[in-house]
Amino acid sequence: TVHVGKDGMDDGVLNEVAAQLKSARLIKVKVLGAAGADAGTVA
């Protein structure tokens, strides 16, 4: 439900992840290749 793209983990992504965790408690985040970091680091 959340995609991390070329802008990386900016404030918008962090706020969206926090809001979705608050409502759903379990979410999936897709880290795109353009993010500039591997998925483990982003996680």
PDB file of all heavy atoms in Angstrom:
ATOM      1  N   THR A   1       0.809  -1.217   0.000  1.00  0.00           N
ATOM      2  CA  THR A   1       0.000   0.000   0.000  1.00  0.00           C
ATOM      3  C   THR A   1       0.842   1.266   0.000  1.00  0.00           C
ATOM      4  O   THR A   1       0.325   2.347  -0.238  1.00  0.00           O
ATOM      5  CB  THR A   1      -0.941   0.032   1.212  1.00  0.00           C
ATOM      6  OG1 THR A   1      -0.172  -0.124   2.396  1.00  0.00           O
ATOM      7  CG2 THR A   1      -1.970  -1.081   1.124  1.00  0.00           C
ATOM      8  N   VAL A   2       2.135   1.136   0.285  1.00  0.00           N
ATOM      9  CA  VAL A   2       3.046   2.276   0.265  1.00  0.00           C
ATOM     10  C   VAL A   2       4.203   1.911  -0.659  1.00  0.00           C
ATOM     11  O   VAL A   2       4.711   0.793  -0.602  1.00  0.00           O
ATOM     12  CB  VAL A   2       3.582   2.603   1.678  1.00  0.00           C
ATOM     13  CG1 VAL A   2       4.567   3.751   1.627  1.00  0.00           C
ATOM     14  CG2 VAL A   2       2.457   2.910   2.629  1.00  0.00           C
ATOM     15  N   HIS A   3       4.608   2.854  -1.497  1.00  0.00           N
ATOM     16  CA  HIS A   3       5.724   2.632  -2.420  1.00  0.00           C
ATOM     17  C   HIS A   3       6.810   3.647  -2.131  1.00  0.00           C
ATOM     18  O   HIS A   3       6.542   4.847  -2.073  1.00  0.00           O
ATOM     19  CB  HIS A   3       5.259   2.769  -3.875  1.00  0.00           C
ATOM     20  CG  HIS A   3       4.260   1.746  -4.269  1.00  0.00           C
ATOM     21  ND1 HIS A   3       4.611   0.539  -4.797  1.00  0.00           N
ATOM     22  CD2 HIS A   3       2.908   1.727  -4.174  1.00  0.00           C
ATOM     23  CE1 HIS A   3       3.526  -0.181  -5.039  1.00  0.00           C
ATOM     24  NE2 HIS A   3       2.468   0.537  -4.659  1.00  0.00           N
ATOM     25  N   VAL A   4       8.033   3.154  -1.931  1.00  0.00           N
ATOM     26  CA  VAL A   4       9.180   4.032  -1.719  1.00  0.00           C
ATOM     27  C   VAL A   4       9.911   4.127  -3.043  1.00  0.00           C
ATOM     28  O   VAL A   4      10.422   3.138  -3.556  1.00  0.00           O
ATOM     29  CB  VAL A   4      10.122   3.472  -0.629  1.00  0.00           C
ATOM     30  CG1 VAL A   4      11.323   4.382  -0.451  1.00  0.00           C
ATOM     31  CG2 VAL A   4       9.369   3.295   0.674  1.00  0.00           C
ATOM     32  N   GLY A   5       9.941   5.328  -3.618  1.00  0.00           N
ATOM     33  CA  GLY A   5      10.522   5.543  -4.937  1.00  0.00           C
ATOM     34  C   GLY A   5      11.817   6.317  -4.895  1.00  0.00           C
ATOM     35  O   GLY A   5      12.571   6.238  -3.919  1.00  0.00           O
ATOM     36  N   LYS A   6      12.057   7.096  -5.926  1.00  0.00           N
ATOM     37  CA  LYS A   6      13.328   7.784  -6.065  1.00  0.00           C
ATOM     38  C   LYS A   6      13.563   8.863  -5.005  1.00  0.00           C
ATOM     39  O   LYS A   6      14.701   9.229  -4.748  1.00  0.00           O
ATOM     40  CB  LYS A   6      13.459   8.393  -7.457  1.00  0.00           C
ATOM     41  CG  LYS A   6      12.465   9.483  -7.763  1.00  0.00           C
ATOM     42  CD  LYS A   6      12.664  10.012  -9.165  1.00  0.00           C
ATOM     43  CE  LYS A   6      11.627  11.081  -9.453  1.00  0.00           C
ATOM     44  NZ  LYS A   6      11.753  11.595 -10.791  1.00  0.00           N
ATOM     45  N   ASP A   7      12.514   9.361  -4.390  1.00  0.00           N
ATOM     46  CA  ASP A   7      12.680  10.350  -3.323  1.00  0.00           C
ATOM     47  C   ASP A   7      13.093   9.715  -2.005  1.00  0.00           C
ATOM     48  O   ASP A   7      13.436  10.416  -1.056  1.00  0.00           O
ATOM     49  CB  ASP A   7      11.385  11.146  -3.124  1.00  0.00           C
ATOM     50  CG  ASP A   7      11.061  12.014  -4.336  1.00  0.00           C
ATOM     51  OD1 ASP A   7      12.002  12.364  -5.073  1.00  0.00           O
ATOM     52  OD2 ASP A   7       9.873  12.316  -4.539  1.00  0.00           O
ATOM     53  N   GLY A   8      13.029   8.398  -1.916  1.00  0.00           N
ATOM     54  CA  GLY A   8      13.430   7.692  -0.703  1.00  0.00           C
ATOM     55  C   GLY A   8      12.411   7.844   0.413  1.00  0.00           C
ATOM     56  O   GLY A   8      11.220   7.992   0.174  1.00  0.00           O
ATOM     57  N   MET A   9      12.923   7.824   1.631  1.00  0.00           N
ATOM     58  CA  MET A   9      12.044   7.920   2.803  1.00  0.00           C
ATOM     59  C   MET A   9      11.902   9.380   3.217  1.00  0.00           C
ATOM     60  O   MET A   9      12.516   9.835   4.173  1.00  0.00           O
ATOM     61  CB  MET A   9      12.621   7.109   3.963  1.00  0.00           C
ATOM     62  CG  MET A   9      12.646   5.641   3.732  1.00  0.00           C
ATOM     63  SD  MET A   9      13.235   4.737   5.161  1.00  0.00           S
ATOM     64  CE  MET A   9      14.843   5.424   5.404  1.00  0.00           C
ATOM     65  N   ASP A  10      11.065  10.113   2.504  1.00  0.00           N
ATOM     66  CA  ASP A  10      10.826  11.500   2.871  1.00  0.00           C
ATOM     67  C   ASP A  10       9.712  11.556   3.916  1.00  0.00           C
ATOM     68  O   ASP A  10       9.174  10.540   4.326  1.00  0.00           O
ATOM     69  CB  ASP A  10      10.519  12.358   1.647  1.00  0.00           C
ATOM     70  CG  ASP A  10       9.298  11.875   0.871  1.00  0.00           C
ATOM     71  OD1 ASP A  10       8.758  10.816   1.215  1.00  0.00           O
ATOM     72  OD2 ASP A  10       8.894  12.570  -0.085  1.00  0.00           O
ATOM     73  N   ASP A  11       9.377  12.749   4.356  1.00  0.00           N
ATOM     74  CA  ASP A  11       8.367  12.910   5.407  1.00  0.00           C
ATOM     75  C   ASP A  11       7.006  12.366   4.994  1.00  0.00           C
ATOM     76  O   ASP A  11       6.281  11.810   5.811  1.00  0.00           O
ATOM     77  CB  ASP A  11       8.236  14.379   5.801  1.00  0.00           C
ATOM     78  CG  ASP A  11       9.457  14.879   6.561  1.00  0.00           C
ATOM     79  OD1 ASP A  11      10.169  14.038   7.144  1.00  0.00           O
ATOM     80  OD2 ASP A  11       9.683  16.109   6.578  1.00  0.00           O
ATOM     81  N   GLY A  12       6.648  12.508   3.727  1.00  0.00           N
ATOM     82  CA  GLY A  12       5.357  12.010   3.248  1.00  0.00           C
ATOM     83  C   GLY A  12       5.244  10.499   3.377  1.00  0.00           C
ATOM     84  O   GLY A  12       4.215   9.981   3.797  1.00  0.00           O
ATOM     85  N   VAL A  13       6.309   9.801   3.028  1.00  0.00           N
ATOM     86  CA  VAL A  13       6.307   8.332   3.136  1.00  0.00           C
ATOM     87  C   VAL A  13       6.233   7.913   4.603  1.00  0.00           C
ATOM     88  O   VAL A  13       5.464   7.023   4.961  1.00  0.00           O
ATOM     89  CB  VAL A  13       7.562   7.734   2.453  1.00  0.00           C
ATOM     90  CG1 VAL A  13       7.689   6.249   2.759  1.00  0.00           C
ATOM     91  CG2 VAL A  13       7.513   7.963   0.959  1.00  0.00           C
ATOM     92  N   LEU A  14       7.026   8.558   5.439  1.00  0.00           N
ATOM     93  CA  LEU A  14       7.024   8.212   6.863  1.00  0.00           C
ATOM     94  C   LEU A  14       5.662   8.466   7.507  1.00  0.00           C
ATOM     95  O   LEU A  14       5.173   7.643   8.299  1.00  0.00           O
ATOM     96  CB  LEU A  14       8.111   8.986   7.599  1.00  0.00           C
ATOM     97  CG  LEU A  14       9.546   8.657   7.198  1.00  0.00           C
ATOM     98  CD1 LEU A  14      10.519   9.576   7.926  1.00  0.00           C
ATOM     99  CD2 LEU A  14       9.869   7.210   7.462  1.00  0.00           C
ATOM    100  N   ASN A  15       5.029   9.589   7.164  1.00  0.00           N
ATOM    101  CA  ASN A  15       3.708   9.890   7.711  1.00  0.00           C
ATOM    102  C   ASN A  15       2.668   8.885   7.231  1.00  0.00           C
ATOM    103  O   ASN A  15       1.798   8.473   7.989  1.00  0.00           O
ATOM    104  CB  ASN A  15       3.287  11.312   7.331  1.00  0.00           C
ATOM    105  CG  ASN A  15       4.114  12.359   8.030  1.00  0.00           C
ATOM    106  OD1 ASN A  15       4.711  12.105   9.071  1.00  0.00           O
ATOM    107  ND2 ASN A  15       4.179  13.539   7.452  1.00  0.00           N
ATOM    108  N   GLU A  16       2.751   8.502   5.955  1.00  0.00           N
ATOM    109  CA  GLU A  16       1.800   7.542   5.402  1.00  0.00           C
ATOM    110  C   GLU A  16       1.963   6.161   6.049  1.00  0.00           C
ATOM    111  O   GLU A  16       0.980   5.503   6.385  1.00  0.00           O
ATOM    112  CB  GLU A  16       1.973   7.442   3.888  1.00  0.00           C
ATOM    113  CG  GLU A  16       0.962   6.562   3.213  1.00  0.00           C
ATOM    114  CD  GLU A  16      -0.469   7.075   3.348  1.00  0.00           C
ATOM    115  OE1 GLU A  16      -0.676   8.284   3.512  1.00  0.00           O
ATOM    116  OE2 GLU A  16      -1.402   6.244   3.304  1.00  0.00           O
ATOM    117  N   VAL A  17       3.205   5.732   6.243  1.00  0.00           N
ATOM    118  CA  VAL A  17       3.451   4.439   6.899  1.00  0.00           C
ATOM    119  C   VAL A  17       2.924   4.467   8.327  1.00  0.00           C
ATOM    120  O   VAL A  17       2.256   3.526   8.774  1.00  0.00           O
ATOM    121  CB  VAL A  17       4.953   4.089   6.866  1.00  0.00           C
ATOM    122  CG1 VAL A  17       5.269   2.926   7.784  1.00  0.00           C
ATOM    123  CG2 VAL A  17       5.381   3.773   5.450  1.00  0.00           C
ATOM    124  N   ALA A  18       3.176   5.542   9.048  1.00  0.00           N
ATOM    125  CA  ALA A  18       2.702   5.652  10.431  1.00  0.00           C
ATOM    126  C   ALA A  18       1.173   5.634  10.489  1.00  0.00           C
ATOM    127  O   ALA A  18       0.582   4.961  11.338  1.00  0.00           O
ATOM    128  CB  ALA A  18       3.244   6.922  11.071  1.00  0.00           C
ATOM    129  N   ALA A  19       0.524   6.353   9.575  1.00  0.00           N
ATOM    130  CA  ALA A  19      -0.941   6.397   9.564  1.00  0.00           C
ATOM    131  C   ALA A  19      -1.530   5.034   9.224  1.00  0.00           C
ATOM    132  O   ALA A  19      -2.510   4.599   9.848  1.00  0.00           O
ATOM    133  CB  ALA A  19      -1.427   7.438   8.563  1.00  0.00           C
ATOM    134  N   GLN A  20      -0.940   4.346   8.254  1.00  0.00           N
ATOM    135  CA  GLN A  20      -1.473   3.038   7.882  1.00  0.00           C
ATOM    136  C   GLN A  20      -1.215   1.992   8.959  1.00  0.00           C
ATOM    137  O   GLN A  20      -2.046   1.110   9.173  1.00  0.00           O
ATOM    138  CB  GLN A  20      -0.889   2.597   6.539  1.00  0.00           C
ATOM    139  CG  GLN A  20      -1.464   3.387   5.406  1.00  0.00           C
ATOM    140  CD  GLN A  20      -1.130   2.795   4.058  1.00  0.00           C
ATOM    141  OE1 GLN A  20      -0.783   1.632   3.941  1.00  0.00           O
ATOM    142  NE2 GLN A  20      -1.270   3.602   3.035  1.00  0.00           N
ATOM    143  N   LEU A  21      -0.086   2.076   9.637  1.00  0.00           N
ATOM    144  CA  LEU A  21       0.169   1.144  10.746  1.00  0.00           C
ATOM    145  C   LEU A  21      -0.826   1.365  11.881  1.00  0.00           C
ATOM    146  O   LEU A  21      -1.252   0.413  12.523  1.00  0.00           O
ATOM    147  CB  LEU A  21       1.595   1.307  11.270  1.00  0.00           C
ATOM    148  CG  LEU A  21       2.682   0.615  10.487  1.00  0.00           C
ATOM    149  CD1 LEU A  21       4.048   1.041  10.995  1.00  0.00           C
ATOM    150  CD2 LEU A  21       2.528  -0.888  10.572  1.00  0.00           C
ATOM    151  N   LYS A  22      -1.181   2.611  12.100  1.00  0.00           N
ATOM    152  CA  LYS A  22      -2.134   2.925  13.165  1.00  0.00           C
ATOM    153  C   LYS A  22      -3.510   2.329  12.866  1.00  0.00           C
ATOM    154  O   LYS A  22      -4.176   1.816  13.765  1.00  0.00           O
ATOM    155  CB  LYS A  22      -2.247   4.438  13.336  1.00  0.00           C
ATOM    156  CG  LYS A  22      -3.051   4.851  14.525  1.00  0.00           C
ATOM    157  CD  LYS A  22      -2.996   6.353  14.714  1.00  0.00           C
ATOM    158  CE  LYS A  22      -3.783   6.749  15.946  1.00  0.00           C
ATOM    159  NZ  LYS A  22      -3.739   8.172  16.191  1.00  0.00           N
ATOM    160  N   SER A  23      -3.905   2.340  11.596  1.00  0.00           N
ATOM    161  CA  SER A  23      -5.237   1.837  11.255  1.00  0.00           C
ATOM    162  C   SER A  23      -5.242   0.345  10.926  1.00  0.00           C
ATOM    163  O   SER A  23      -6.167  -0.362  11.309  1.00  0.00           O
ATOM    164  CB  SER A  23      -5.819   2.622  10.082  1.00  0.00           C
ATOM    165  OG  SER A  23      -5.053   2.421   8.924  1.00  0.00           O
ATOM    166  N   ALA A  24      -4.219  -0.145  10.246  1.00  0.00           N
ATOM    167  CA  ALA A  24      -4.252  -1.538   9.783  1.00  0.00           C
ATOM    168  C   ALA A  24      -3.408  -2.479  10.629  1.00  0.00           C
ATOM    169  O   ALA A  24      -3.644  -3.686  10.609  1.00  0.00           O
ATOM    170  CB  ALA A  24      -3.785  -1.619   8.339  1.00  0.00           C
ATOM    171  N   ARG A  25      -2.395  -1.976  11.346  1.00  0.00           N
ATOM    172  CA  ARG A  25      -1.504  -2.739  12.210  1.00  0.00           C
ATOM    173  C   ARG A  25      -0.516  -3.644  11.485  1.00  0.00           C
ATOM    174  O   ARG A  25       0.460  -4.071  12.061  1.00  0.00           O
ATOM    175  CB  ARG A  25      -2.279  -3.564  13.228  1.00  0.00           C
ATOM    176  CG  ARG A  25      -3.109  -2.748  14.155  1.00  0.00           C
ATOM    177  CD  ARG A  25      -3.894  -3.617  15.055  1.00  0.00           C
ATOM    178  NE  ARG A  25      -3.756  -3.161  16.421  1.00  0.00           N
ATOM    179  CZ  ARG A  25      -4.069  -3.884  17.452  1.00  0.00           C
ATOM    180  NH1 ARG A  25      -4.483  -5.117  17.296  1.00  0.00           N
ATOM    181  NH2 ARG A  25      -3.941  -3.396  18.654  1.00  0.00           N
ATOM    182  N   LEU A  26      -0.775  -3.982  10.224  1.00  0.00           N
ATOM    183  CA  LEU A  26       0.115  -4.819   9.437  1.00  0.00           C
ATOM    184  C   LEU A  26       0.051  -4.347   7.991  1.00  0.00           C
ATOM    185  O   LEU A  26      -1.028  -4.342   7.402  1.00  0.00           O
ATOM    186  CB  LEU A  26      -0.309  -6.292   9.532  1.00  0.00           C
ATOM    187  CG  LEU A  26       0.549  -7.311   8.798  1.00  0.00           C
ATOM    188  CD1 LEU A  26       1.919  -7.441   9.460  1.00  0.00           C
ATOM    189  CD2 LEU A  26      -0.137  -8.659   8.786  1.00  0.00           C
ATOM    190  N   ILE A  27       1.182  -3.902   7.452  1.00  0.00           N
ATOM    191  CA  ILE A  27       1.187  -3.370   6.085  1.00  0.00           C
ATOM    192  C   ILE A  27       2.379  -3.916   5.301  1.00  0.00           C
ATOM    193  O   ILE A  27       3.345  -4.404   5.887  1.00  0.00           O
ATOM    194  CB  ILE A  27       1.227  -1.829   6.062  1.00  0.00           C
ATOM    195  CG1 ILE A  27       2.527  -1.298   6.665  1.00  0.00           C
ATOM    196  CG2 ILE A  27       0.014  -1.237   6.732  1.00  0.00           C
ATOM    197  CD1 ILE A  27       2.760   0.171   6.402  1.00  0.00           C
ATOM    198  N   LYS A  28       2.255  -3.791   3.980  1.00  0.00           N
ATOM    199  CA  LYS A  28       3.356  -4.103   3.089  1.00  0.00           C
ATOM    200  C   LYS A  28       3.813  -2.818   2.416  1.00  0.00           C
ATOM    201  O   LYS A  28       2.990  -1.987   2.041  1.00  0.00           O
ATOM    202  CB  LYS A  28       2.931  -5.093   2.005  1.00  0.00           C
ATOM    203  CG  LYS A  28       2.884  -6.518   2.455  1.00  0.00           C
ATOM    204  CD  LYS A  28       2.609  -7.429   1.269  1.00  0.00           C
ATOM    205  CE  LYS A  28       2.597  -8.880   1.686  1.00  0.00           C
ATOM    206  NZ  LYS A  28       2.309  -9.748   0.519  1.00  0.00           N
ATOM    207  N   VAL A  29       5.130  -2.695   2.279  1.00  0.00           N
ATOM    208  CA  VAL A  29       5.735  -1.539   1.624  1.00  0.00           C
ATOM    209  C   VAL A  29       6.583  -2.054   0.472  1.00  0.00           C
ATOM    210  O   VAL A  29       7.390  -2.959   0.654  1.00  0.00           O
ATOM    211  CB  VAL A  29       6.620  -0.736   2.607  1.00  0.00           C
ATOM    212  CG1 VAL A  29       7.288   0.426   1.908  1.00  0.00           C
ATOM    213  CG2 VAL A  29       5.810  -0.268   3.798  1.00  0.00           C
ATOM    214  N   LYS A  30       6.406  -1.481  -0.707  1.00  0.00           N
ATOM    215  CA  LYS A  30       7.179  -1.864  -1.886  1.00  0.00           C
ATOM    216  C   LYS A  30       8.315  -0.861  -2.064  1.00  0.00           C
ATOM    217  O   LYS A  30       8.079   0.348  -2.128  1.00  0.00           O
ATOM    218  CB  LYS A  30       6.273  -1.863  -3.126  1.00  0.00           C
ATOM    219  CG  LYS A  30       6.988  -2.125  -4.410  1.00  0.00           C
ATOM    220  CD  LYS A  30       7.269  -3.580  -4.587  1.00  0.00           C
ATOM    221  CE  LYS A  30       7.827  -3.813  -5.975  1.00  0.00           C
ATOM    222  NZ  LYS A  30       8.324  -5.117  -6.157  1.00  0.00           N
ATOM    223  N   VAL A  31       9.539  -1.379  -2.108  1.00  0.00           N
ATOM    224  CA  VAL A  31      10.708  -0.529  -2.328  1.00  0.00           C
ATOM    225  C   VAL A  31      11.098  -0.675  -3.796  1.00  0.00           C
ATOM    226  O   VAL A  31      11.496  -1.751  -4.233  1.00  0.00           O
ATOM    227  CB  VAL A  31      11.879  -0.943  -1.412  1.00  0.00           C
ATOM    228  CG1 VAL A  31      13.075  -0.037  -1.658  1.00  0.00           C
ATOM    229  CG2 VAL A  31      11.450  -0.902   0.042  1.00  0.00           C
ATOM    230  N   LEU A  32      10.940   0.404  -4.547  1.00  0.00           N
ATOM    231  CA  LEU A  32      11.242   0.382  -5.971  1.00  0.00           C
ATOM    232  C   LEU A  32      12.749   0.468  -6.204  1.00  0.00           C
ATOM    233  O   LEU A  32      13.499   0.931  -5.334  1.00  0.00           O
ATOM    234  CB  LEU A  32      10.524   1.539  -6.666  1.00  0.00           C
ATOM    235  CG  LEU A  32       9.003   1.560  -6.477  1.00  0.00           C
ATOM    236  CD1 LEU A  32       8.417   2.805  -7.103  1.00  0.00           C
ATOM    237  CD2 LEU A  32       8.366   0.322  -7.070  1.00  0.00           C
ATOM    238  N   GLY A  33      13.195   0.029  -7.348  1.00  0.00           N
ATOM    239  CA  GLY A  33      14.610   0.043  -7.671  1.00  0.00           C
ATOM    240  C   GLY A  33      15.221   1.435  -7.694  1.00  0.00           C
ATOM    241  O   GLY A  33      16.407   1.614  -7.441  1.00  0.00           O
ATOM    242  N   ALA A  34      14.426   2.438  -7.990  1.00  0.00           N
ATOM    243  CA  ALA A  34      14.911   3.817  -8.058  1.00  0.00           C
ATOM    244  C   ALA A  34      15.121   4.440  -6.679  1.00  0.00           C
ATOM    245  O   ALA A  34      15.561   5.577  -6.573  1.00  0.00           O
ATOM    246  CB  ALA A  34      13.929   4.666  -8.856  1.00  0.00           C
ATOM    247  N   ALA A  35      14.818   3.694  -5.612  1.00  0.00           N
ATOM    248  CA  ALA A  35      14.929   4.244  -4.264  1.00  0.00           C
ATOM    249  C   ALA A  35      16.377   4.528  -3.873  1.00  0.00           C
ATOM    250  O   ALA A  35      16.635   5.315  -2.976  1.00  0.00           O
ATOM    251  CB  ALA A  35      14.292   3.302  -3.245  1.00  0.00           C
ATOM    252  N   GLY A  36      17.325   3.871  -4.524  1.00  0.00           N
ATOM    253  CA  GLY A  36      18.724   4.140  -4.242  1.00  0.00           C
ATOM    254  C   GLY A  36      19.280   3.370  -3.064  1.00  0.00           C
ATOM    255  O   GLY A  36      20.438   3.521  -2.722  1.00  0.00           O
ATOM    256  N   ALA A  37      18.475   2.534  -2.431  1.00  0.00           N
ATOM    257  CA  ALA A  37      18.929   1.713  -1.309  1.00  0.00           C
ATOM    258  C   ALA A  37      18.231   0.366  -1.396  1.00  0.00           C
ATOM    259  O   ALA A  37      17.177   0.244  -2.012  1.00  0.00           O
ATOM    260  CB  ALA A  37      18.603   2.396   0.017  1.00  0.00           C
ATOM    261  N   ASP A  38      18.831  -0.634  -0.754  1.00  0.00           N
ATOM    262  CA  ASP A  38      18.182  -1.945  -0.783  1.00  0.00           C
ATOM    263  C   ASP A  38      17.031  -1.981   0.217  1.00  0.00           C
ATOM    264  O   ASP A  38      16.918  -1.134   1.104  1.00  0.00           O
ATOM    265  CB  ASP A  38      19.186  -3.066  -0.518  1.00  0.00           C
ATOM    266  CG  ASP A  38      19.753  -3.041   0.889  1.00  0.00           C
ATOM    267  OD1 ASP A  38      19.838  -1.945   1.476  1.00  0.00           O
ATOM    268  OD2 ASP A  38      20.101  -4.113   1.404  1.00  0.00           O
ATOM    269  N   ALA A  39      16.188  -2.973   0.073  1.00  0.00           N
ATOM    270  CA  ALA A  39      14.965  -3.062   0.876  1.00  0.00           C
ATOM    271  C   ALA A  39      15.268  -3.240   2.361  1.00  0.00           C
ATOM    272  O   ALA A  39      14.543  -2.729   3.215  1.00  0.00           O
ATOM    273  CB  ALA A  39      14.094  -4.205   0.371  1.00  0.00           C
ATOM    274  N   GLY A  40      16.330  -3.933   2.699  1.00  0.00           N
ATOM    275  CA  GLY A  40      16.684  -4.135   4.104  1.00  0.00           C
ATOM    276  C   GLY A  40      17.017  -2.833   4.803  1.00  0.00           C
ATOM    277  O   GLY A  40      16.597  -2.586   5.941  1.00  0.00           O
ATOM    278  N   THR A  41      17.772  -1.985   4.130  1.00  0.00           N
ATOM    279  CA  THR A  41      18.135  -0.689   4.694  1.00  0.00           C
ATOM    280  C   THR A  41      16.907   0.198   4.858  1.00  0.00           C
ATOM    281  O   THR A  41      16.738   0.852   5.892  1.00  0.00           O
ATOM    282  CB  THR A  41      19.160   0.009   3.776  1.00  0.00           C
ATOM    283  OG1 THR A  41      20.255  -0.863   3.553  1.00  0.00           O
ATOM    284  CG2 THR A  41      19.652   1.298   4.377  1.00  0.00           C
ATOM    285  N   VAL A  42      16.060   0.199   3.850  1.00  0.00           N
ATOM    286  CA  VAL A  42      14.826   0.985   3.918  1.00  0.00           C
ATOM    287  C   VAL A  42      13.931   0.463   5.039  1.00  0.00           C
ATOM    288  O   VAL A  42      13.338   1.241   5.790  1.00  0.00           O
ATOM    289  CB  VAL A  42      14.095   0.966   2.565  1.00  0.00           C
ATOM    290  CG1 VAL A  42      12.719   1.603   2.672  1.00  0.00           C
ATOM    291  CG2 VAL A  42      14.915   1.683   1.509  1.00  0.00           C
ATOM    292  N   ALA A  43      13.853  -0.860   5.184  1.00  0.00           N
ATOM    293  CA  ALA A  43      13.018  -1.460   6.230  1.00  0.00           C
ATOM    294  C   ALA A  43      13.474  -1.034   7.615  1.00  0.00           C
ATOM    295  O   ALA A  43      12.650  -0.654   8.464  1.00  0.00           O
ATOM    296  CB  ALA A  43      13.048  -2.984   6.113  1.00  0.00           C
TER     297      ALA A  43
END
